[in-house]
Amino acid sequence: MEPYIMTEKLRRDDMIVKTKYAKDYNLVHRYLCGDRDAGQELYASIYPLVQQFIWNHTNAKTLTESVKEEILSQTMMTSVEKLEYYNGTSSFSTYVCGIAKFKILEKIKSSIKESEKENNIINIEENTSIFDNPLNIIIDKELRETVAKAQQMLSRDHQQVIQLRLNGMTAKQIAEMVGMSEDAVNSMFYRAIKAFKKNFENIYYK
C-alpha cells in the first residue's frame, strides 16, 4: 500500500500527539511521513475488524458476497485517501468502520434504485406481527400494478426501511447503520406499512 504525501498542515506538525488512541495516531502520522512499515502494521490490525463490521451489517439478501468484498476494498482505499483527516479522537478501526458504514448505505440505496427501475414488487405482510411474518401479495397483474403504485407514493425513507426489512435486515442492523434507535426504526417501519396500506386502498378501491 503506497503512502500518501502529507499535506502542508501535517508537515508543520512534527509533534507526535498523545491521545487516548496515541498508538493509532502515531502509526497514521508515521505512514503519512512515508513509513510503509507503519502503514502495514496499521492496516493489518484493522482489516479483520472492518471486514467483520461489513459482514455483520449486511446479509446475503441485502448484498451479495462479491458486493461485500467490493465495499471492503473501497473502504480501505477511501481510508487511505482520507488518512490525513484522522485526528486520534477515536480508534482508527472506528474511523474506518464509519467509512464502511457510508459505503454500505451507498450500495443499499443503489440496489433499491435498481430494484425500482426493474419494477420489482415489494412483499407486504398482513399479520398480527407485521415485523416477523410477511405474507407475500402475489395475485394478478392489476393487483401487482396497484402494489407498485402504492409503493412509489411512499416517502423515500419509508420505501427504504420497507425494502431493507424485506431484504432480511433486522431493525437493530438498520438502526446501527443509519444512526437511529431500534425503536425509531420499528416505528418508521410501522408507519411505512400503514401508509402503504392506505395508498393501496385508495388506489385499488377508488
N, C-alpha and C. Protein backbone atom coordinates (compact mmCIF):
# COMPACT_ATOMS: atom_id res chain seq x y z
N MET A 1 0.85 -1.19 0.00
CA MET A 1 0.00 0.00 0.00
C MET A 1 0.89 1.24 0.00
N GLU A 2 0.77 2.09 -1.01
CA GLU A 2 1.63 3.25 -1.15
C GLU A 2 1.21 4.35 -0.18
N PRO A 3 2.16 4.95 0.55
CA PRO A 3 1.81 6.04 1.48
C PRO A 3 1.43 7.30 0.73
N TYR A 4 0.50 8.06 1.29
CA TYR A 4 0.11 9.32 0.68
C TYR A 4 1.03 10.44 1.15
N ILE A 5 1.23 11.44 0.30
CA ILE A 5 2.07 12.58 0.65
C ILE A 5 1.35 13.43 1.68
N MET A 6 2.07 13.89 2.67
CA MET A 6 1.47 14.70 3.72
C MET A 6 1.05 16.06 3.19
N THR A 7 0.02 16.62 3.79
CA THR A 7 -0.37 17.98 3.46
C THR A 7 0.58 18.94 4.15
N GLU A 8 0.54 20.21 3.73
CA GLU A 8 1.41 21.22 4.36
C GLU A 8 1.11 21.34 5.84
N LYS A 9 -0.17 21.22 6.19
CA LYS A 9 -0.56 21.34 7.59
C LYS A 9 0.11 20.26 8.43
N LEU A 10 0.11 19.03 7.91
CA LEU A 10 0.71 17.95 8.67
C LEU A 10 2.23 18.00 8.63
N ARG A 11 2.80 18.55 7.58
CA ARG A 11 4.25 18.67 7.53
C ARG A 11 4.76 19.60 8.64
N ARG A 12 3.94 20.60 8.97
CA ARG A 12 4.36 21.54 10.01
C ARG A 12 4.18 20.94 11.40
N ASP A 13 3.42 19.85 11.48
CA ASP A 13 3.16 19.23 12.78
C ASP A 13 4.15 18.09 13.00
N ASP A 14 5.29 18.41 13.59
CA ASP A 14 6.33 17.41 13.81
C ASP A 14 6.15 16.68 15.14
N MET A 15 5.21 17.14 15.94
CA MET A 15 4.99 16.53 17.25
C MET A 15 4.13 15.27 17.10
N ILE A 16 4.49 14.23 17.81
CA ILE A 16 3.66 13.03 17.87
C ILE A 16 2.65 13.24 18.99
N VAL A 17 1.41 13.46 18.61
CA VAL A 17 0.39 13.83 19.59
C VAL A 17 0.04 12.66 20.50
N LYS A 18 -0.12 12.94 21.78
CA LYS A 18 -0.50 11.92 22.74
C LYS A 18 -2.00 12.01 22.98
N THR A 19 -2.73 11.00 22.57
CA THR A 19 -4.17 10.94 22.77
C THR A 19 -4.51 9.58 23.36
N LYS A 20 -5.79 9.37 23.62
CA LYS A 20 -6.24 8.08 24.12
C LYS A 20 -5.89 6.98 23.13
N TYR A 21 -5.88 7.34 21.86
CA TYR A 21 -5.55 6.38 20.81
C TYR A 21 -4.21 6.76 20.17
N ALA A 22 -3.23 7.02 21.04
CA ALA A 22 -1.93 7.50 20.60
C ALA A 22 -1.25 6.54 19.63
N LYS A 23 -1.38 5.23 19.88
CA LYS A 23 -0.72 4.26 19.01
C LYS A 23 -1.24 4.37 17.59
N ASP A 24 -2.57 4.42 17.44
CA ASP A 24 -3.16 4.55 16.11
C ASP A 24 -2.74 5.86 15.46
N TYR A 25 -2.83 6.94 16.23
CA TYR A 25 -2.50 8.26 15.68
C TYR A 25 -1.04 8.30 15.23
N ASN A 26 -0.16 7.75 16.05
CA ASN A 26 1.26 7.79 15.71
C ASN A 26 1.58 6.93 14.49
N LEU A 27 0.89 5.80 14.35
CA LEU A 27 1.09 4.97 13.16
C LEU A 27 0.63 5.71 11.91
N VAL A 28 -0.51 6.39 12.01
CA VAL A 28 -1.01 7.18 10.88
C VAL A 28 -0.02 8.28 10.54
N HIS A 29 0.46 8.96 11.58
CA HIS A 29 1.42 10.05 11.38
C HIS A 29 2.68 9.55 10.67
N ARG A 30 3.18 8.41 11.13
CA ARG A 30 4.39 7.84 10.52
C ARG A 30 4.13 7.41 9.08
N TYR A 31 2.95 6.84 8.85
CA TYR A 31 2.61 6.39 7.49
C TYR A 31 2.52 7.57 6.54
N LEU A 32 1.92 8.66 7.01
CA LEU A 32 1.82 9.86 6.20
C LEU A 32 3.20 10.45 5.91
N CYS A 33 4.14 10.18 6.79
CA CYS A 33 5.51 10.65 6.59
C CYS A 33 6.31 9.73 5.67
N GLY A 34 5.68 8.63 5.23
CA GLY A 34 6.35 7.75 4.28
C GLY A 34 6.83 6.43 4.85
N ASP A 35 6.47 6.13 6.10
CA ASP A 35 6.89 4.88 6.74
C ASP A 35 5.93 3.76 6.33
N ARG A 36 6.34 2.94 5.37
CA ARG A 36 5.47 1.88 4.86
C ARG A 36 5.22 0.80 5.90
N ASP A 37 6.20 0.53 6.73
CA ASP A 37 6.02 -0.48 7.78
C ASP A 37 4.90 -0.08 8.73
N ALA A 38 4.83 1.22 9.03
CA ALA A 38 3.76 1.72 9.90
C ALA A 38 2.40 1.50 9.24
N GLY A 39 2.35 1.73 7.93
CA GLY A 39 1.10 1.52 7.19
C GLY A 39 0.67 0.07 7.21
N GLN A 40 1.62 -0.83 7.02
CA GLN A 40 1.30 -2.26 7.03
C GLN A 40 0.81 -2.70 8.40
N GLU A 41 1.46 -2.21 9.45
CA GLU A 41 1.04 -2.55 10.81
C GLU A 41 -0.36 -2.00 11.09
N LEU A 42 -0.60 -0.78 10.66
CA LEU A 42 -1.88 -0.12 10.89
C LEU A 42 -3.03 -0.89 10.25
N TYR A 43 -2.87 -1.22 8.97
CA TYR A 43 -3.96 -1.86 8.24
C TYR A 43 -4.10 -3.35 8.55
N ALA A 44 -2.99 -3.98 8.93
CA ALA A 44 -3.07 -5.39 9.32
C ALA A 44 -3.91 -5.55 10.58
N SER A 45 -3.85 -4.55 11.46
CA SER A 45 -4.59 -4.63 12.72
C SER A 45 -6.08 -4.35 12.55
N ILE A 46 -6.44 -3.50 11.59
CA ILE A 46 -7.86 -3.12 11.46
C ILE A 46 -8.61 -3.92 10.41
N TYR A 47 -7.91 -4.53 9.48
CA TYR A 47 -8.58 -5.21 8.35
C TYR A 47 -9.63 -6.21 8.82
N PRO A 48 -9.30 -7.16 9.72
CA PRO A 48 -10.32 -8.13 10.13
C PRO A 48 -11.50 -7.49 10.86
N LEU A 49 -11.24 -6.40 11.59
CA LEU A 49 -12.32 -5.72 12.32
C LEU A 49 -13.29 -5.05 11.35
N VAL A 50 -12.74 -4.40 10.34
CA VAL A 50 -13.59 -3.73 9.35
C VAL A 50 -14.35 -4.76 8.52
N GLN A 51 -13.69 -5.84 8.17
CA GLN A 51 -14.35 -6.91 7.42
C GLN A 51 -15.52 -7.48 8.22
N GLN A 52 -15.30 -7.73 9.49
CA GLN A 52 -16.37 -8.25 10.35
C GLN A 52 -17.52 -7.25 10.47
N PHE A 53 -17.19 -5.96 10.57
CA PHE A 53 -18.21 -4.92 10.65
C PHE A 53 -19.11 -4.95 9.42
N ILE A 54 -18.50 -5.05 8.25
CA ILE A 54 -19.27 -5.05 7.00
C ILE A 54 -20.16 -6.29 6.92
N TRP A 55 -19.60 -7.45 7.25
CA TRP A 55 -20.38 -8.69 7.18
C TRP A 55 -21.49 -8.72 8.22
N ASN A 56 -21.26 -8.12 9.39
CA ASN A 56 -22.28 -8.09 10.44
C ASN A 56 -23.43 -7.16 10.11
N HIS A 57 -23.17 -6.16 9.27
CA HIS A 57 -24.20 -5.17 8.96
C HIS A 57 -24.86 -5.40 7.60
N THR A 58 -24.60 -6.54 7.02
CA THR A 58 -25.25 -6.92 5.77
C THR A 58 -25.55 -8.41 5.83
N ASN A 59 -26.32 -8.89 4.89
CA ASN A 59 -26.55 -10.33 4.78
C ASN A 59 -26.73 -10.68 3.31
N ALA A 60 -26.88 -11.96 3.04
CA ALA A 60 -26.94 -12.43 1.65
C ALA A 60 -28.10 -11.83 0.88
N LYS A 61 -29.21 -11.55 1.59
CA LYS A 61 -30.37 -10.99 0.90
C LYS A 61 -30.17 -9.51 0.61
N THR A 62 -29.41 -8.85 1.46
CA THR A 62 -29.18 -7.42 1.28
C THR A 62 -28.12 -7.15 0.22
N LEU A 63 -26.96 -7.76 0.40
CA LEU A 63 -25.85 -7.58 -0.54
C LEU A 63 -25.13 -8.91 -0.71
N THR A 64 -24.71 -9.20 -1.93
CA THR A 64 -24.02 -10.46 -2.21
C THR A 64 -22.60 -10.42 -1.65
N GLU A 65 -21.98 -11.59 -1.60
CA GLU A 65 -20.61 -11.69 -1.08
C GLU A 65 -19.65 -10.84 -1.91
N SER A 66 -19.82 -10.86 -3.23
CA SER A 66 -18.92 -10.09 -4.09
C SER A 66 -19.07 -8.59 -3.85
N VAL A 67 -20.30 -8.15 -3.57
CA VAL A 67 -20.53 -6.73 -3.28
C VAL A 67 -19.90 -6.36 -1.94
N LYS A 68 -19.98 -7.26 -0.97
CA LYS A 68 -19.35 -7.00 0.33
C LYS A 68 -17.84 -6.86 0.17
N GLU A 69 -17.26 -7.72 -0.66
CA GLU A 69 -15.82 -7.63 -0.92
C GLU A 69 -15.49 -6.30 -1.58
N GLU A 70 -16.37 -5.87 -2.48
CA GLU A 70 -16.17 -4.58 -3.16
C GLU A 70 -16.23 -3.43 -2.16
N ILE A 71 -17.18 -3.50 -1.23
CA ILE A 71 -17.31 -2.47 -0.20
C ILE A 71 -16.06 -2.42 0.67
N LEU A 72 -15.55 -3.60 1.03
CA LEU A 72 -14.34 -3.68 1.85
C LEU A 72 -13.17 -3.03 1.13
N SER A 73 -13.02 -3.34 -0.15
CA SER A 73 -11.92 -2.78 -0.94
C SER A 73 -12.05 -1.26 -1.06
N GLN A 74 -13.26 -0.79 -1.36
CA GLN A 74 -13.49 0.65 -1.50
C GLN A 74 -13.27 1.38 -0.17
N THR A 75 -13.66 0.72 0.92
CA THR A 75 -13.48 1.32 2.25
C THR A 75 -12.00 1.52 2.54
N MET A 76 -11.21 0.51 2.27
CA MET A 76 -9.77 0.61 2.53
C MET A 76 -9.12 1.69 1.66
N MET A 77 -9.52 1.75 0.41
CA MET A 77 -8.96 2.76 -0.49
C MET A 77 -9.32 4.17 -0.02
N THR A 78 -10.58 4.35 0.36
CA THR A 78 -11.04 5.67 0.82
C THR A 78 -10.35 6.06 2.12
N SER A 79 -10.13 5.08 3.00
CA SER A 79 -9.48 5.38 4.27
C SER A 79 -8.06 5.89 4.05
N VAL A 80 -7.39 5.36 3.04
CA VAL A 80 -6.04 5.84 2.72
C VAL A 80 -6.11 7.25 2.14
N GLU A 81 -7.08 7.48 1.26
CA GLU A 81 -7.24 8.80 0.65
C GLU A 81 -7.58 9.87 1.69
N LYS A 82 -8.32 9.46 2.74
CA LYS A 82 -8.75 10.41 3.76
C LYS A 82 -7.91 10.30 5.04
N LEU A 83 -6.76 9.70 4.93
CA LEU A 83 -5.94 9.41 6.10
C LEU A 83 -5.60 10.65 6.91
N GLU A 84 -5.36 11.75 6.23
CA GLU A 84 -4.94 12.97 6.92
C GLU A 84 -6.02 13.56 7.81
N TYR A 85 -7.28 13.10 7.63
CA TYR A 85 -8.38 13.63 8.44
C TYR A 85 -8.54 12.89 9.77
N TYR A 86 -7.82 11.79 9.93
CA TYR A 86 -7.89 11.07 11.20
C TYR A 86 -7.16 11.88 12.27
N ASN A 87 -7.85 12.17 13.39
CA ASN A 87 -7.25 13.05 14.41
C ASN A 87 -7.01 12.39 15.75
N GLY A 88 -7.24 11.08 15.83
CA GLY A 88 -6.95 10.38 17.07
C GLY A 88 -8.00 10.47 18.15
N THR A 89 -9.17 11.03 17.85
CA THR A 89 -10.23 11.13 18.86
C THR A 89 -11.02 9.82 19.00
N SER A 90 -10.79 8.89 18.09
CA SER A 90 -11.38 7.55 18.18
C SER A 90 -10.32 6.57 17.69
N SER A 91 -10.58 5.29 17.86
CA SER A 91 -9.63 4.32 17.33
C SER A 91 -9.67 4.39 15.80
N PHE A 92 -8.58 3.99 15.17
CA PHE A 92 -8.54 4.05 13.71
C PHE A 92 -9.54 3.07 13.10
N SER A 93 -9.76 1.95 13.77
CA SER A 93 -10.73 0.98 13.26
C SER A 93 -12.14 1.57 13.27
N THR A 94 -12.47 2.35 14.31
CA THR A 94 -13.78 3.02 14.37
C THR A 94 -13.91 4.04 13.25
N TYR A 95 -12.83 4.76 12.99
CA TYR A 95 -12.81 5.75 11.92
C TYR A 95 -13.07 5.08 10.56
N VAL A 96 -12.42 3.95 10.32
CA VAL A 96 -12.58 3.25 9.04
C VAL A 96 -13.95 2.58 8.96
N CYS A 97 -14.46 2.08 10.09
CA CYS A 97 -15.81 1.49 10.08
C CYS A 97 -16.86 2.54 9.75
N GLY A 98 -16.61 3.79 10.13
CA GLY A 98 -17.51 4.88 9.76
C GLY A 98 -17.56 5.05 8.25
N ILE A 99 -16.40 4.90 7.62
CA ILE A 99 -16.35 4.96 6.15
C ILE A 99 -17.10 3.78 5.56
N ALA A 100 -16.90 2.59 6.16
CA ALA A 100 -17.58 1.38 5.68
C ALA A 100 -19.09 1.53 5.78
N LYS A 101 -19.54 2.13 6.86
CA LYS A 101 -20.98 2.35 7.07
C LYS A 101 -21.57 3.18 5.93
N PHE A 102 -20.85 4.23 5.55
CA PHE A 102 -21.30 5.09 4.45
C PHE A 102 -21.32 4.31 3.14
N LYS A 103 -20.30 3.48 2.91
CA LYS A 103 -20.22 2.68 1.68
C LYS A 103 -21.38 1.68 1.61
N ILE A 104 -21.71 1.07 2.75
CA ILE A 104 -22.82 0.12 2.79
C ILE A 104 -24.13 0.81 2.41
N LEU A 105 -24.36 1.98 3.00
CA LEU A 105 -25.58 2.73 2.71
C LEU A 105 -25.66 3.10 1.23
N GLU A 106 -24.52 3.50 0.66
CA GLU A 106 -24.48 3.84 -0.76
C GLU A 106 -24.90 2.65 -1.61
N LYS A 107 -24.36 1.47 -1.29
CA LYS A 107 -24.67 0.27 -2.06
C LYS A 107 -26.13 -0.12 -1.92
N ILE A 108 -26.65 -0.02 -0.71
CA ILE A 108 -28.05 -0.40 -0.49
C ILE A 108 -28.98 0.55 -1.23
N LYS A 109 -28.68 1.85 -1.16
CA LYS A 109 -29.51 2.82 -1.88
C LYS A 109 -29.45 2.56 -3.38
N SER A 110 -28.26 2.24 -3.87
CA SER A 110 -28.10 1.93 -5.29
C SER A 110 -28.90 0.69 -5.66
N SER A 111 -28.88 -0.30 -4.77
CA SER A 111 -29.62 -1.54 -5.00
C SER A 111 -31.12 -1.28 -5.05
N ILE A 112 -31.59 -0.39 -4.16
CA ILE A 112 -33.01 -0.06 -4.13
C ILE A 112 -33.43 0.65 -5.41
N LYS A 113 -32.58 1.56 -5.89
CA LYS A 113 -32.88 2.27 -7.13
C LYS A 113 -32.97 1.31 -8.30
N GLU A 114 -32.03 0.35 -8.35
CA GLU A 114 -32.06 -0.64 -9.42
C GLU A 114 -33.32 -1.48 -9.34
N SER A 115 -33.70 -1.79 -8.11
CA SER A 115 -34.91 -2.59 -7.91
C SER A 115 -36.14 -1.84 -8.41
N GLU A 116 -36.16 -0.53 -8.17
CA GLU A 116 -37.28 0.28 -8.62
C GLU A 116 -37.32 0.36 -10.14
N LYS A 117 -36.15 0.46 -10.75
CA LYS A 117 -36.09 0.53 -12.21
C LYS A 117 -36.66 -0.73 -12.84
N GLU A 118 -36.39 -1.86 -12.20
CA GLU A 118 -36.88 -3.14 -12.73
C GLU A 118 -38.32 -3.40 -12.33
N ASN A 119 -38.91 -2.43 -11.61
CA ASN A 119 -40.31 -2.52 -11.19
C ASN A 119 -40.57 -3.76 -10.33
N ASN A 120 -39.61 -4.04 -9.44
CA ASN A 120 -39.81 -5.16 -8.52
C ASN A 120 -40.96 -4.85 -7.58
N ILE A 121 -41.71 -5.87 -7.25
CA ILE A 121 -42.86 -5.70 -6.37
C ILE A 121 -42.47 -6.04 -4.94
N ILE A 122 -42.75 -5.12 -4.03
CA ILE A 122 -42.44 -5.40 -2.63
C ILE A 122 -43.49 -6.33 -2.05
N ASN A 123 -43.09 -7.12 -1.10
CA ASN A 123 -43.99 -8.06 -0.44
C ASN A 123 -44.42 -7.48 0.90
N ILE A 124 -45.71 -7.30 1.07
CA ILE A 124 -46.23 -6.71 2.29
C ILE A 124 -46.95 -7.77 3.11
N GLU A 125 -46.67 -7.80 4.38
CA GLU A 125 -47.29 -8.80 5.24
C GLU A 125 -48.62 -8.31 5.79
N GLU A 126 -49.49 -9.24 6.03
CA GLU A 126 -50.79 -8.96 6.63
C GLU A 126 -50.92 -9.92 7.79
N ASN A 127 -50.35 -9.54 8.94
CA ASN A 127 -50.27 -10.46 10.06
C ASN A 127 -50.37 -9.68 11.36
N THR A 128 -50.65 -10.35 12.44
CA THR A 128 -50.73 -9.66 13.72
C THR A 128 -49.38 -9.07 14.11
N SER A 129 -48.31 -9.71 13.71
CA SER A 129 -46.97 -9.18 13.95
C SER A 129 -46.38 -8.77 12.62
N ILE A 130 -46.43 -7.48 12.30
CA ILE A 130 -46.01 -7.04 10.97
C ILE A 130 -44.51 -7.07 10.79
N PHE A 131 -43.76 -7.36 11.88
CA PHE A 131 -42.32 -7.35 11.77
C PHE A 131 -41.73 -8.73 11.54
N ASP A 132 -42.51 -9.79 11.72
CA ASP A 132 -41.92 -11.12 11.72
C ASP A 132 -42.32 -12.02 10.55
N ASN A 133 -43.57 -12.00 10.16
CA ASN A 133 -44.04 -12.98 9.19
C ASN A 133 -44.73 -12.33 7.99
N PRO A 134 -43.96 -11.85 7.01
CA PRO A 134 -44.57 -11.21 5.84
C PRO A 134 -45.43 -12.20 5.04
N LEU A 135 -46.56 -11.70 4.54
CA LEU A 135 -47.41 -12.51 3.65
C LEU A 135 -47.34 -11.89 2.27
N ASN A 136 -46.69 -12.58 1.35
CA ASN A 136 -46.47 -12.02 0.02
C ASN A 136 -47.78 -11.77 -0.73
N ILE A 137 -47.85 -10.60 -1.35
CA ILE A 137 -49.00 -10.28 -2.19
C ILE A 137 -48.64 -10.61 -3.62
N ILE A 138 -49.03 -11.79 -4.08
CA ILE A 138 -48.74 -12.19 -5.46
C ILE A 138 -50.06 -12.66 -6.06
N ILE A 139 -50.75 -11.78 -6.72
CA ILE A 139 -52.05 -12.15 -7.27
C ILE A 139 -52.05 -11.89 -8.77
N ASP A 140 -52.92 -11.07 -9.26
CA ASP A 140 -52.99 -10.83 -10.70
C ASP A 140 -52.26 -9.55 -11.08
N LYS A 141 -52.19 -9.28 -12.36
CA LYS A 141 -51.42 -8.15 -12.88
C LYS A 141 -51.94 -6.83 -12.33
N GLU A 142 -53.25 -6.68 -12.27
CA GLU A 142 -53.84 -5.43 -11.77
C GLU A 142 -53.43 -5.16 -10.33
N LEU A 143 -53.47 -6.20 -9.52
CA LEU A 143 -53.12 -6.03 -8.11
C LEU A 143 -51.64 -5.71 -7.95
N ARG A 144 -50.78 -6.36 -8.74
CA ARG A 144 -49.34 -6.10 -8.65
C ARG A 144 -49.03 -4.67 -9.06
N GLU A 145 -49.74 -4.17 -10.08
CA GLU A 145 -49.53 -2.80 -10.51
C GLU A 145 -49.96 -1.82 -9.42
N THR A 146 -51.03 -2.17 -8.72
CA THR A 146 -51.50 -1.33 -7.62
C THR A 146 -50.48 -1.29 -6.50
N VAL A 147 -49.89 -2.44 -6.20
CA VAL A 147 -48.85 -2.51 -5.17
C VAL A 147 -47.68 -1.61 -5.54
N ALA A 148 -47.26 -1.67 -6.81
CA ALA A 148 -46.13 -0.86 -7.27
C ALA A 148 -46.44 0.63 -7.15
N LYS A 149 -47.66 1.03 -7.52
CA LYS A 149 -48.04 2.44 -7.43
C LYS A 149 -48.09 2.90 -5.98
N ALA A 150 -48.63 2.04 -5.11
CA ALA A 150 -48.72 2.39 -3.69
C ALA A 150 -47.32 2.56 -3.10
N GLN A 151 -46.39 1.74 -3.54
CA GLN A 151 -45.01 1.84 -3.07
C GLN A 151 -44.37 3.15 -3.53
N GLN A 152 -44.60 3.51 -4.78
CA GLN A 152 -43.99 4.72 -5.33
C GLN A 152 -44.51 5.99 -4.65
N MET A 153 -45.70 5.92 -4.07
CA MET A 153 -46.28 7.07 -3.38
C MET A 153 -45.67 7.30 -2.00
N LEU A 154 -44.92 6.31 -1.50
CA LEU A 154 -44.30 6.44 -0.18
C LEU A 154 -43.13 7.41 -0.23
N SER A 155 -42.79 7.97 0.92
CA SER A 155 -41.60 8.81 1.00
C SER A 155 -40.37 7.94 0.79
N ARG A 156 -39.25 8.57 0.48
CA ARG A 156 -38.00 7.82 0.25
C ARG A 156 -37.61 7.01 1.50
N ASP A 157 -37.74 7.62 2.68
CA ASP A 157 -37.39 6.92 3.92
C ASP A 157 -38.27 5.68 4.13
N HIS A 158 -39.56 5.83 3.86
CA HIS A 158 -40.47 4.70 4.03
C HIS A 158 -40.19 3.59 3.02
N GLN A 159 -39.88 3.96 1.79
CA GLN A 159 -39.52 2.96 0.79
C GLN A 159 -38.29 2.18 1.21
N GLN A 160 -37.30 2.90 1.71
CA GLN A 160 -36.03 2.27 2.06
C GLN A 160 -36.17 1.35 3.27
N VAL A 161 -36.89 1.79 4.31
CA VAL A 161 -36.99 0.96 5.50
C VAL A 161 -37.77 -0.33 5.20
N ILE A 162 -38.79 -0.24 4.35
CA ILE A 162 -39.53 -1.45 3.96
C ILE A 162 -38.63 -2.38 3.16
N GLN A 163 -37.90 -1.81 2.19
CA GLN A 163 -37.03 -2.63 1.35
C GLN A 163 -35.94 -3.32 2.17
N LEU A 164 -35.35 -2.59 3.11
CA LEU A 164 -34.29 -3.17 3.93
C LEU A 164 -34.82 -4.30 4.80
N ARG A 165 -36.00 -4.11 5.39
CA ARG A 165 -36.59 -5.18 6.21
C ARG A 165 -36.92 -6.40 5.37
N LEU A 166 -37.47 -6.17 4.19
CA LEU A 166 -37.83 -7.29 3.32
C LEU A 166 -36.60 -7.95 2.72
N ASN A 167 -35.48 -7.24 2.70
CA ASN A 167 -34.22 -7.83 2.24
C ASN A 167 -33.55 -8.66 3.33
N GLY A 168 -34.15 -8.67 4.51
CA GLY A 168 -33.64 -9.52 5.57
C GLY A 168 -32.90 -8.83 6.70
N MET A 169 -32.76 -7.50 6.62
CA MET A 169 -32.06 -6.79 7.69
C MET A 169 -32.98 -6.63 8.90
N THR A 170 -32.40 -6.76 10.08
CA THR A 170 -33.18 -6.56 11.30
C THR A 170 -33.27 -5.07 11.62
N ALA A 171 -34.21 -4.73 12.48
CA ALA A 171 -34.35 -3.33 12.89
C ALA A 171 -33.07 -2.85 13.57
N LYS A 172 -32.44 -3.73 14.33
CA LYS A 172 -31.20 -3.37 15.03
C LYS A 172 -30.09 -3.05 14.03
N GLN A 173 -29.95 -3.85 12.98
CA GLN A 173 -28.92 -3.61 11.97
C GLN A 173 -29.16 -2.29 11.25
N ILE A 174 -30.42 -2.02 10.91
CA ILE A 174 -30.75 -0.77 10.23
C ILE A 174 -30.46 0.41 11.15
N ALA A 175 -30.82 0.27 12.42
CA ALA A 175 -30.61 1.35 13.40
C ALA A 175 -29.13 1.70 13.52
N GLU A 176 -28.28 0.68 13.60
CA GLU A 176 -26.84 0.92 13.72
C GLU A 176 -26.30 1.57 12.45
N MET A 177 -26.85 1.20 11.32
CA MET A 177 -26.36 1.70 10.05
C MET A 177 -26.70 3.16 9.82
N VAL A 178 -27.93 3.55 10.19
CA VAL A 178 -28.38 4.91 9.89
C VAL A 178 -28.29 5.85 11.09
N GLY A 179 -27.84 5.32 12.24
CA GLY A 179 -27.66 6.17 13.41
C GLY A 179 -28.95 6.52 14.12
N MET A 180 -29.93 5.60 14.10
CA MET A 180 -31.19 5.79 14.81
C MET A 180 -31.31 4.73 15.89
N SER A 181 -32.28 4.91 16.79
CA SER A 181 -32.55 3.88 17.78
C SER A 181 -33.36 2.76 17.13
N GLU A 182 -33.30 1.58 17.73
CA GLU A 182 -34.06 0.44 17.19
C GLU A 182 -35.55 0.72 17.25
N ASP A 183 -36.00 1.37 18.33
CA ASP A 183 -37.42 1.72 18.46
C ASP A 183 -37.85 2.67 17.35
N ALA A 184 -36.96 3.62 17.01
CA ALA A 184 -37.29 4.59 15.96
C ALA A 184 -37.43 3.90 14.61
N VAL A 185 -36.58 2.91 14.36
CA VAL A 185 -36.66 2.16 13.10
C VAL A 185 -37.96 1.36 13.05
N ASN A 186 -38.29 0.69 14.15
CA ASN A 186 -39.54 -0.08 14.20
C ASN A 186 -40.75 0.83 13.99
N SER A 187 -40.69 2.01 14.61
CA SER A 187 -41.79 2.97 14.47
C SER A 187 -41.91 3.44 13.02
N MET A 188 -40.77 3.72 12.39
CA MET A 188 -40.79 4.16 11.00
C MET A 188 -41.34 3.07 10.09
N PHE A 189 -40.94 1.82 10.37
CA PHE A 189 -41.42 0.70 9.56
C PHE A 189 -42.93 0.53 9.71
N TYR A 190 -43.42 0.67 10.94
CA TYR A 190 -44.86 0.55 11.18
C TYR A 190 -45.62 1.64 10.42
N ARG A 191 -45.10 2.89 10.48
CA ARG A 191 -45.76 3.99 9.77
C ARG A 191 -45.69 3.78 8.26
N ALA A 192 -44.58 3.21 7.79
CA ALA A 192 -44.43 2.95 6.36
C ALA A 192 -45.45 1.93 5.88
N ILE A 193 -45.64 0.85 6.66
CA ILE A 193 -46.62 -0.17 6.31
C ILE A 193 -48.03 0.42 6.32
N LYS A 194 -48.30 1.23 7.33
CA LYS A 194 -49.62 1.86 7.45
C LYS A 194 -49.89 2.78 6.25
N ALA A 195 -48.87 3.56 5.87
CA ALA A 195 -49.01 4.46 4.72
C ALA A 195 -49.20 3.68 3.43
N PHE A 196 -48.46 2.57 3.32
CA PHE A 196 -48.59 1.74 2.12
C PHE A 196 -50.01 1.20 1.99
N LYS A 197 -50.54 0.68 3.09
CA LYS A 197 -51.89 0.11 3.06
C LYS A 197 -52.93 1.16 2.68
N LYS A 198 -52.74 2.37 3.21
CA LYS A 198 -53.67 3.46 2.89
C LYS A 198 -53.59 3.80 1.40
N ASN A 199 -52.36 3.89 0.87
CA ASN A 199 -52.18 4.16 -0.55
C ASN A 199 -52.83 3.07 -1.40
N PHE A 200 -52.59 1.83 -0.98
CA PHE A 200 -53.12 0.69 -1.72
C PHE A 200 -54.65 0.74 -1.79
N GLU A 201 -55.27 0.98 -0.64
CA GLU A 201 -56.74 1.02 -0.58
C GLU A 201 -57.30 2.17 -1.41
N ASN A 202 -56.63 3.33 -1.36
CA ASN A 202 -57.10 4.49 -2.13
C ASN A 202 -57.04 4.23 -3.63
N ILE A 203 -56.04 3.47 -4.06
CA ILE A 203 -55.90 3.18 -5.49
C ILE A 203 -56.81 2.04 -5.91
N TYR A 204 -56.81 0.96 -5.15
CA TYR A 204 -57.49 -0.27 -5.56
C TYR A 204 -59.00 -0.18 -5.44
N TYR A 205 -59.47 0.56 -4.43
CA TYR A 205 -60.91 0.58 -4.18
C TYR A 205 -61.57 1.89 -4.58
N LYS A 206 -60.83 2.72 -5.33
CA LYS A 206 -61.43 4.00 -5.72
C LYS A 206 -62.54 3.79 -6.75
